[in-house]
C-alpha atoms as a PDB file:
ATOM      1  CA  MET A   1      -1.670   9.967  23.156  1.00  0.00           C
ATOM      2  CA  ASN A   2      -3.267  12.258  20.182  1.00  0.00           C
ATOM      3  CA  LEU A   3      -4.414  10.665  17.192  1.00  0.00           C
ATOM      4  CA  ILE A   4      -4.423  12.473  14.124  1.00  0.00           C
ATOM      5  CA  LEU A   5      -6.108  11.134  10.886  1.00  0.00           C
ATOM      6  CA  ALA A   6      -4.413  13.071   8.398  1.00  0.00           C
ATOM      7  CA  SER A   7      -7.535  12.655   5.660  1.00  0.00           C
ATOM      8  CA  GLN A   8     -11.225  14.420   4.677  1.00  0.00           C
ATOM      9  CA  SER A   9     -12.428  10.862   3.514  1.00  0.00           C
ATOM     10  CA  PRO A  10     -15.463  10.019   5.074  1.00  0.00           C
ATOM     11  CA  ARG A  11     -14.701   6.314   4.422  1.00  0.00           C
ATOM     12  CA  ARG A  12     -11.140   6.213   5.841  1.00  0.00           C
ATOM     13  CA  ARG A  13     -12.774   8.224   9.278  1.00  0.00           C
ATOM     14  CA  GLU A  14     -15.644   5.418   9.405  1.00  0.00           C
ATOM     15  CA  LEU A  15     -12.820   2.945   8.849  1.00  0.00           C
ATOM     16  CA  LEU A  16     -10.482   4.130  11.932  1.00  0.00           C
ATOM     17  CA  GLU A  17     -13.303   4.349  13.922  1.00  0.00           C
ATOM     18  CA  LYS A  18     -13.664   0.037  13.832  1.00  0.00           C
ATOM     19  CA  ILE A  19      -9.885   0.519  15.842  1.00  0.00           C
ATOM     20  CA  GLY A  20     -11.871   1.689  18.926  1.00  0.00           C
ATOM     21  CA  VAL A  21      -9.882   4.336  19.620  1.00  0.00           C
ATOM     22  CA  PRO A  22     -10.147   8.357  19.732  1.00  0.00           C
ATOM     23  CA  PHE A  23      -8.864  10.683  16.898  1.00  0.00           C
ATOM     24  CA  ASP A  24      -9.060  13.737  15.666  1.00  0.00           C
ATOM     25  CA  ILE A  25      -8.808  14.994  11.599  1.00  0.00           C
ATOM     26  CA  VAL A  26      -6.145  17.076  10.423  1.00  0.00           C
ATOM     27  CA  VAL A  27      -6.679  17.630   6.716  1.00  0.00           C
ATOM     28  CA  SER A  28      -2.857  17.416   4.765  1.00  0.00           C
ATOM     29  CA  GLU A  29      -2.553  20.020   2.371  1.00  0.00           C
ATOM     30  CA  CYS A  30       0.375  18.605   0.464  1.00  0.00           C
ATOM     31  CA  ASP A  31       1.436  18.504  -2.747  1.00  0.00           C
ATOM     32  CA  GLU A  32      -0.451  15.197  -4.479  1.00  0.00           C
ATOM     33  CA  THR A  33       1.711  15.510  -8.126  1.00  0.00           C
ATOM     34  CA  LEU A  34       3.474  12.553  -8.361  1.00  0.00           C
ATOM     35  CA  PRO A  35       7.232  12.954 -10.378  1.00  0.00           C
ATOM     36  CA  PRO A  36       6.870  11.594 -13.654  1.00  0.00           C
ATOM     37  CA  ASP A  37       9.361   8.363 -13.168  1.00  0.00           C
ATOM     38  CA  THR A  38       7.064   7.029  -9.618  1.00  0.00           C
ATOM     39  CA  PRO A  39       6.509   3.183 -10.169  1.00  0.00           C
ATOM     40  CA  ALA A  40       2.479   2.768 -10.429  1.00  0.00           C
ATOM     41  CA  ASP A  41       3.194   0.279  -7.324  1.00  0.00           C
ATOM     42  CA  GLN A  42       4.592   3.077  -5.113  1.00  0.00           C
ATOM     43  CA  ALA A  43       2.390   5.717  -5.778  1.00  0.00           C
ATOM     44  CA  ALA A  44      -0.132   5.303  -2.947  1.00  0.00           C
ATOM     45  CA  GLU A  45       2.626   4.563  -0.064  1.00  0.00           C
ATOM     46  CA  LEU A  46       4.609   7.801  -1.404  1.00  0.00           C
ATOM     47  CA  LEU A  47       1.227  10.205  -1.518  1.00  0.00           C
ATOM     48  CA  ALA A  48       0.150   8.682   2.319  1.00  0.00           C
ATOM     49  CA  VAL A  49       3.737   9.156   3.632  1.00  0.00           C
ATOM     50  CA  ARG A  50       3.526  13.153   1.995  1.00  0.00           C
ATOM     51  CA  LYS A  51       0.282  13.896   3.894  1.00  0.00           C
ATOM     52  CA  ALA A  52       1.292  12.149   7.528  1.00  0.00           C
ATOM     53  CA  ALA A  53       4.516  14.243   6.688  1.00  0.00           C
ATOM     54  CA  ALA A  54       2.749  17.550   6.446  1.00  0.00           C
ATOM     55  CA  VAL A  55       0.106  17.225   9.349  1.00  0.00           C
ATOM     56  CA  ALA A  56       3.372  15.607  11.574  1.00  0.00           C
ATOM     57  CA  LYS A  57       5.162  19.138  10.956  1.00  0.00           C
ATOM     58  CA  GLN A  58       2.464  20.401  12.376  1.00  0.00           C
ATOM     59  CA  HIS A  59       1.471  18.060  15.316  1.00  0.00           C
ATOM     60  CA  PRO A  60       4.911  17.146  16.104  1.00  0.00           C
ATOM     61  CA  ASP A  61       3.590  15.866  19.764  1.00  0.00           C
ATOM     62  CA  ALA A  62       0.476  13.429  18.066  1.00  0.00           C
ATOM     63  CA  VAL A  63       0.764  10.228  16.215  1.00  0.00           C
ATOM     64  CA  VAL A  64      -0.155  11.133  12.679  1.00  0.00           C
ATOM     65  CA  ILE A  65      -1.953   8.811   9.833  1.00  0.00           C
ATOM     66  CA  GLY A  66      -1.918   9.291   6.527  1.00  0.00           C
ATOM     67  CA  ALA A  67      -3.188   7.122   3.696  1.00  0.00           C
ATOM     68  CA  ASP A  68      -4.139   7.148   0.292  1.00  0.00           C
ATOM     69  CA  THR A  69      -6.094   5.162  -2.640  1.00  0.00           C
ATOM     70  CA  THR A  70      -4.854   4.289  -6.169  1.00  0.00           C
ATOM     71  CA  VAL A  71      -6.793   1.969  -8.948  1.00  0.00           C
ATOM     72  CA  ARG A  72      -4.207   0.259 -10.987  1.00  0.00           C
ATOM     73  CA  LEU A  73      -4.885  -0.675 -14.417  1.00  0.00           C
ATOM     74  CA  LEU A  74      -3.085  -3.839 -15.120  1.00  0.00           C
ATOM     75  CA  ASP A  75      -1.253  -2.165 -18.180  1.00  0.00           C
ATOM     76  CA  GLY A  76       0.089   0.106 -14.766  1.00  0.00           C
ATOM     77  CA  THR A  77      -2.070   2.936 -15.677  1.00  0.00           C
ATOM     78  CA  ILE A  78      -3.550   4.643 -12.420  1.00  0.00           C
ATOM     79  CA  LEU A  79      -6.959   5.935 -13.065  1.00  0.00           C
ATOM     80  CA  GLY A  80      -7.686   8.775  -9.968  1.00  0.00           C
ATOM     81  CA  LYS A  81     -10.820  10.190  -9.157  1.00  0.00           C
ATOM     82  CA  PRO A  82     -13.095  10.909 -12.442  1.00  0.00           C
ATOM     83  CA  LYS A  83     -13.023  14.646 -13.400  1.00  0.00           C
ATOM     84  CA  ASN A  84     -16.147  14.876 -14.767  1.00  0.00           C
ATOM     85  CA  TYR A  85     -18.791  12.438 -16.561  1.00  0.00           C
ATOM     86  CA  VAL A  86     -17.036  11.662 -19.662  1.00  0.00           C
ATOM     87  CA  ASP A  87     -14.134  10.867 -17.330  1.00  0.00           C
ATOM     88  CA  CYS A  88     -16.357   8.948 -15.524  1.00  0.00           C
ATOM     89  CA  VAL A  89     -17.568   6.991 -17.930  1.00  0.00           C
ATOM     90  CA  SER A  90     -14.324   6.429 -19.577  1.00  0.00           C
ATOM     91  CA  MET A  91     -12.577   4.833 -16.327  1.00  0.00           C
ATOM     92  CA  LEU A  92     -15.260   2.329 -15.963  1.00  0.00           C
ATOM     93  CA  HIS A  93     -15.376   1.150 -19.625  1.00  0.00           C
ATOM     94  CA  LYS A  94     -11.656   0.576 -19.031  1.00  0.00           C
ATOM     95  CA  LEU A  95     -12.464  -1.464 -15.547  1.00  0.00           C
ATOM     96  CA  ALA A  96     -15.721  -3.419 -16.917  1.00  0.00           C
ATOM     97  CA  ASP A  97     -15.013  -6.868 -17.849  1.00  0.00           C
ATOM     98  CA  GLY A  98     -11.523  -7.559 -15.964  1.00  0.00           C
ATOM     99  CA  TRP A  99      -9.534  -6.769 -13.253  1.00  0.00           C
ATOM    100  CA  HIS A 100      -7.683  -4.361 -11.682  1.00  0.00           C
ATOM    101  CA  VAL A 101      -5.999  -3.726  -8.345  1.00  0.00           C
ATOM    102  CA  VAL A 102      -6.617  -1.464  -5.293  1.00  0.00           C
ATOM    103  CA  GLN A 103      -3.771  -0.227  -3.437  1.00  0.00           C
ATOM    104  CA  THR A 104      -3.503   1.862  -0.271  1.00  0.00           C
ATOM    105  CA  GLY A 105      -0.836   3.362   0.924  1.00  0.00           C
ATOM    106  CA  VAL A 106      -0.129   4.438   4.712  1.00  0.00           C
ATOM    107  CA  ALA A 107       2.082   6.233   6.853  1.00  0.00           C
ATOM    108  CA  ILE A 108       2.722   6.434  10.417  1.00  0.00           C
ATOM    109  CA  PHE A 109       4.361   9.120  12.222  1.00  0.00           C
ATOM    110  CA  TRP A 110       4.737   9.378  15.747  1.00  0.00           C
ATOM    111  CA  GLN A 111       7.573  10.696  18.096  1.00  0.00           C
ATOM    112  CA  GLY A 112      10.326  11.024  15.494  1.00  0.00           C
ATOM    113  CA  HIS A 113       9.237   8.094  14.373  1.00  0.00           C
ATOM    114  CA  SER A 114       7.750   6.699  10.890  1.00  0.00           C
ATOM    115  CA  ALA A 115       6.591   3.835   9.041  1.00  0.00           C
ATOM    116  CA  SER A 116       4.965   2.670   5.951  1.00  0.00           C
ATOM    117  CA  PHE A 117       3.490   0.153   3.889  1.00  0.00           C
ATOM    118  CA  SER A 118       0.650  -0.691   1.218  1.00  0.00           C
ATOM    119  CA  GLU A 119      -1.384  -3.130   0.528  1.00  0.00           C
ATOM    120  CA  ASP A 120      -3.149  -4.727  -2.483  1.00  0.00           C
ATOM    121  CA  THR A 121      -6.252  -6.118  -3.236  1.00  0.00           C
ATOM    122  CA  TRP A 122      -7.714  -7.537  -6.591  1.00  0.00           C
ATOM    123  CA  VAL A 123     -10.924  -6.544  -7.876  1.00  0.00           C
ATOM    124  CA  GLN A 124     -12.954  -8.139 -10.736  1.00  0.00           C
ATOM    125  CA  PHE A 125     -15.640  -6.126 -12.251  1.00  0.00           C
ATOM    126  CA  SER A 126     -18.257  -7.785 -14.373  1.00  0.00           C
ATOM    127  CA  ALA A 127     -19.066  -6.560 -17.934  1.00  0.00           C
ATOM    128  CA  MET A 128     -21.081  -3.662 -17.921  1.00  0.00           C
ATOM    129  CA  THR A 129     -23.539  -2.313 -20.723  1.00  0.00           C
ATOM    130  CA  ASP A 130     -23.253   0.969 -21.918  1.00  0.00           C
ATOM    131  CA  ALA A 131     -26.333   1.971 -19.735  1.00  0.00           C
ATOM    132  CA  GLU A 132     -25.225   0.499 -16.776  1.00  0.00           C
ATOM    133  CA  ILE A 133     -22.022   2.674 -17.029  1.00  0.00           C
ATOM    134  CA  GLU A 134     -23.967   5.530 -17.907  1.00  0.00           C
ATOM    135  CA  ALA A 135     -26.766   5.291 -14.884  1.00  0.00           C
ATOM    136  CA  TYR A 136     -23.697   4.831 -12.763  1.00  0.00           C
ATOM    137  CA  ALA A 137     -22.036   7.765 -14.135  1.00  0.00           C
ATOM    138  CA  SER A 138     -24.857   9.771 -13.836  1.00  0.00           C
ATOM    139  CA  THR A 139     -24.980   9.694 -10.082  1.00  0.00           C
ATOM    140  CA  GLU A 140     -22.949  11.480  -7.221  1.00  0.00           C
ATOM    141  CA  GLU A 141     -21.248   7.994  -5.809  1.00  0.00           C
ATOM    142  CA  PRO A 142     -17.963   7.942  -8.126  1.00  0.00           C
ATOM    143  CA  TYR A 143     -17.058  11.353  -8.412  1.00  0.00           C
ATOM    144  CA  ASP A 144     -14.720  11.383  -5.106  1.00  0.00           C
ATOM    145  CA  LYS A 145     -13.427   7.862  -5.482  1.00  0.00           C
ATOM    146  CA  ALA A 146     -10.275   6.734  -6.984  1.00  0.00           C
ATOM    147  CA  GLY A 147     -10.947   4.485  -9.886  1.00  0.00           C
ATOM    148  CA  ALA A 148     -14.710   6.399  -9.978  1.00  0.00           C
ATOM    149  CA  TYR A 149     -16.441   3.984  -8.210  1.00  0.00           C
ATOM    150  CA  GLY A 150     -17.467   2.731  -4.443  1.00  0.00           C
ATOM    151  CA  ILE A 151     -17.377  -0.806  -3.481  1.00  0.00           C
ATOM    152  CA  GLN A 152     -19.497  -0.163  -0.422  1.00  0.00           C
ATOM    153  CA  GLY A 153     -22.098   1.503  -2.919  1.00  0.00           C
ATOM    154  CA  HIS A 154     -24.341   0.941  -5.995  1.00  0.00           C
ATOM    155  CA  ALA A 155     -20.856  -0.499  -7.667  1.00  0.00           C
ATOM    156  CA  ALA A 156     -21.309  -3.979  -5.224  1.00  0.00           C
ATOM    157  CA  LEU A 157     -23.855  -4.872  -8.202  1.00  0.00           C
ATOM    158  CA  PHE A 158     -20.262  -5.029 -10.642  1.00  0.00           C
ATOM    159  CA  ILE A 159     -17.804  -6.687  -8.517  1.00  0.00           C
ATOM    160  CA  PRO A 160     -18.501 -10.495  -8.425  1.00  0.00           C
ATOM    161  CA  GLN A 161     -15.188 -10.985  -6.750  1.00  0.00           C
ATOM    162  CA  ILE A 162     -12.291  -9.825  -4.592  1.00  0.00           C
ATOM    163  CA  ASP A 163      -8.929 -11.410  -3.578  1.00  0.00           C
ATOM    164  CA  GLY A 164      -7.913  -9.440  -0.586  1.00  0.00           C
ATOM    165  CA  ASP A 165      -8.931  -6.973   1.985  1.00  0.00           C
ATOM    166  CA  TYR A 166     -12.322  -5.449   1.671  1.00  0.00           C
ATOM    167  CA  TYR A 167     -11.737  -2.472   3.603  1.00  0.00           C
ATOM    168  CA  ASN A 168      -8.437  -2.188   1.655  1.00  0.00           C
ATOM    169  CA  VAL A 169     -10.597  -1.169  -1.735  1.00  0.00           C
ATOM    170  CA  MET A 170     -12.660   1.424   0.745  1.00  0.00           C
ATOM    171  CA  GLY A 171      -9.770   2.818   1.107  1.00  0.00           C
ATOM    172  CA  LEU A 172      -7.864   1.706   4.663  1.00  0.00           C
ATOM    173  CA  PRO A 173      -6.488  -1.486   5.705  1.00  0.00           C
ATOM    174  CA  VAL A 174      -8.021  -1.972   8.934  1.00  0.00           C
ATOM    175  CA  ALA A 175      -6.311  -4.834  10.094  1.00  0.00           C
ATOM    176  CA  LYS A 176      -2.951  -4.465   8.745  1.00  0.00           C
ATOM    177  CA  LEU A 177      -2.872  -0.601  10.310  1.00  0.00           C
ATOM    178  CA  TYR A 178      -4.135  -2.041  13.707  1.00  0.00           C
ATOM    179  CA  HIS A 179      -1.442  -4.550  13.598  1.00  0.00           C
ATOM    180  CA  TYR A 180       1.189  -1.869  12.775  1.00  0.00           C
ATOM    181  CA  LEU A 181      -0.426   0.574  15.722  1.00  0.00           C
ATOM    182  CA  LYS A 182       0.089  -2.403  18.161  1.00  0.00           C
ATOM    183  CA  LYS A 183       3.360  -3.731  17.206  1.00  0.00           C
ATOM    184  CA  PHE A 184       4.754   0.246  17.800  1.00  0.00           C
ATOM    185  CA  GLY A 185       3.094   0.096  21.058  1.00  0.00           C
ATOM    186  CA  ILE A 186       0.897   3.209  19.719  1.00  0.00           C
ATOM    187  CA  ILE A 187      -2.181   1.298  21.073  1.00  0.00           C
ATOM    188  CA  GLY A 188      -2.713  -1.797  23.528  1.00  0.00           C
END
């Protein structure tokens, strides 16, 4: 059975490799604009379903996995990928010295069936000086990541604690996905 990851994320590719099954990459070209009334805690799963569905239409005989990760402040505000340096600095100021939720939505489409789920991980950022924020925002690391940081990179210096799946913060809850693929008989 052909397995496809509907994502261009190098981190998701790396994480899916941990499951130990061969797969192809097909980037989804779906619209990622959220309807204005979308509850913040459902956004990641909705986008994951859209991504997987778009690729599954092109590859109906494959197992297609779509994923999307959001960073959500405690007031429900979703932080996307920073558009520029100023946006990046602003996001990091919002994250500094507090907790937020990283949610990854995952969708699986196979043989006319589909399933989706999401996983939440709570992440604590320590206080950061303006100089630390500006130095991090001056690197390339935060610009292709929701919330303007990568836990596996230099941002690890400012994350003293998480509650939940570390890999979820990177973009794919590997253990939960593995159990879903086993549950549906997609892998042995």
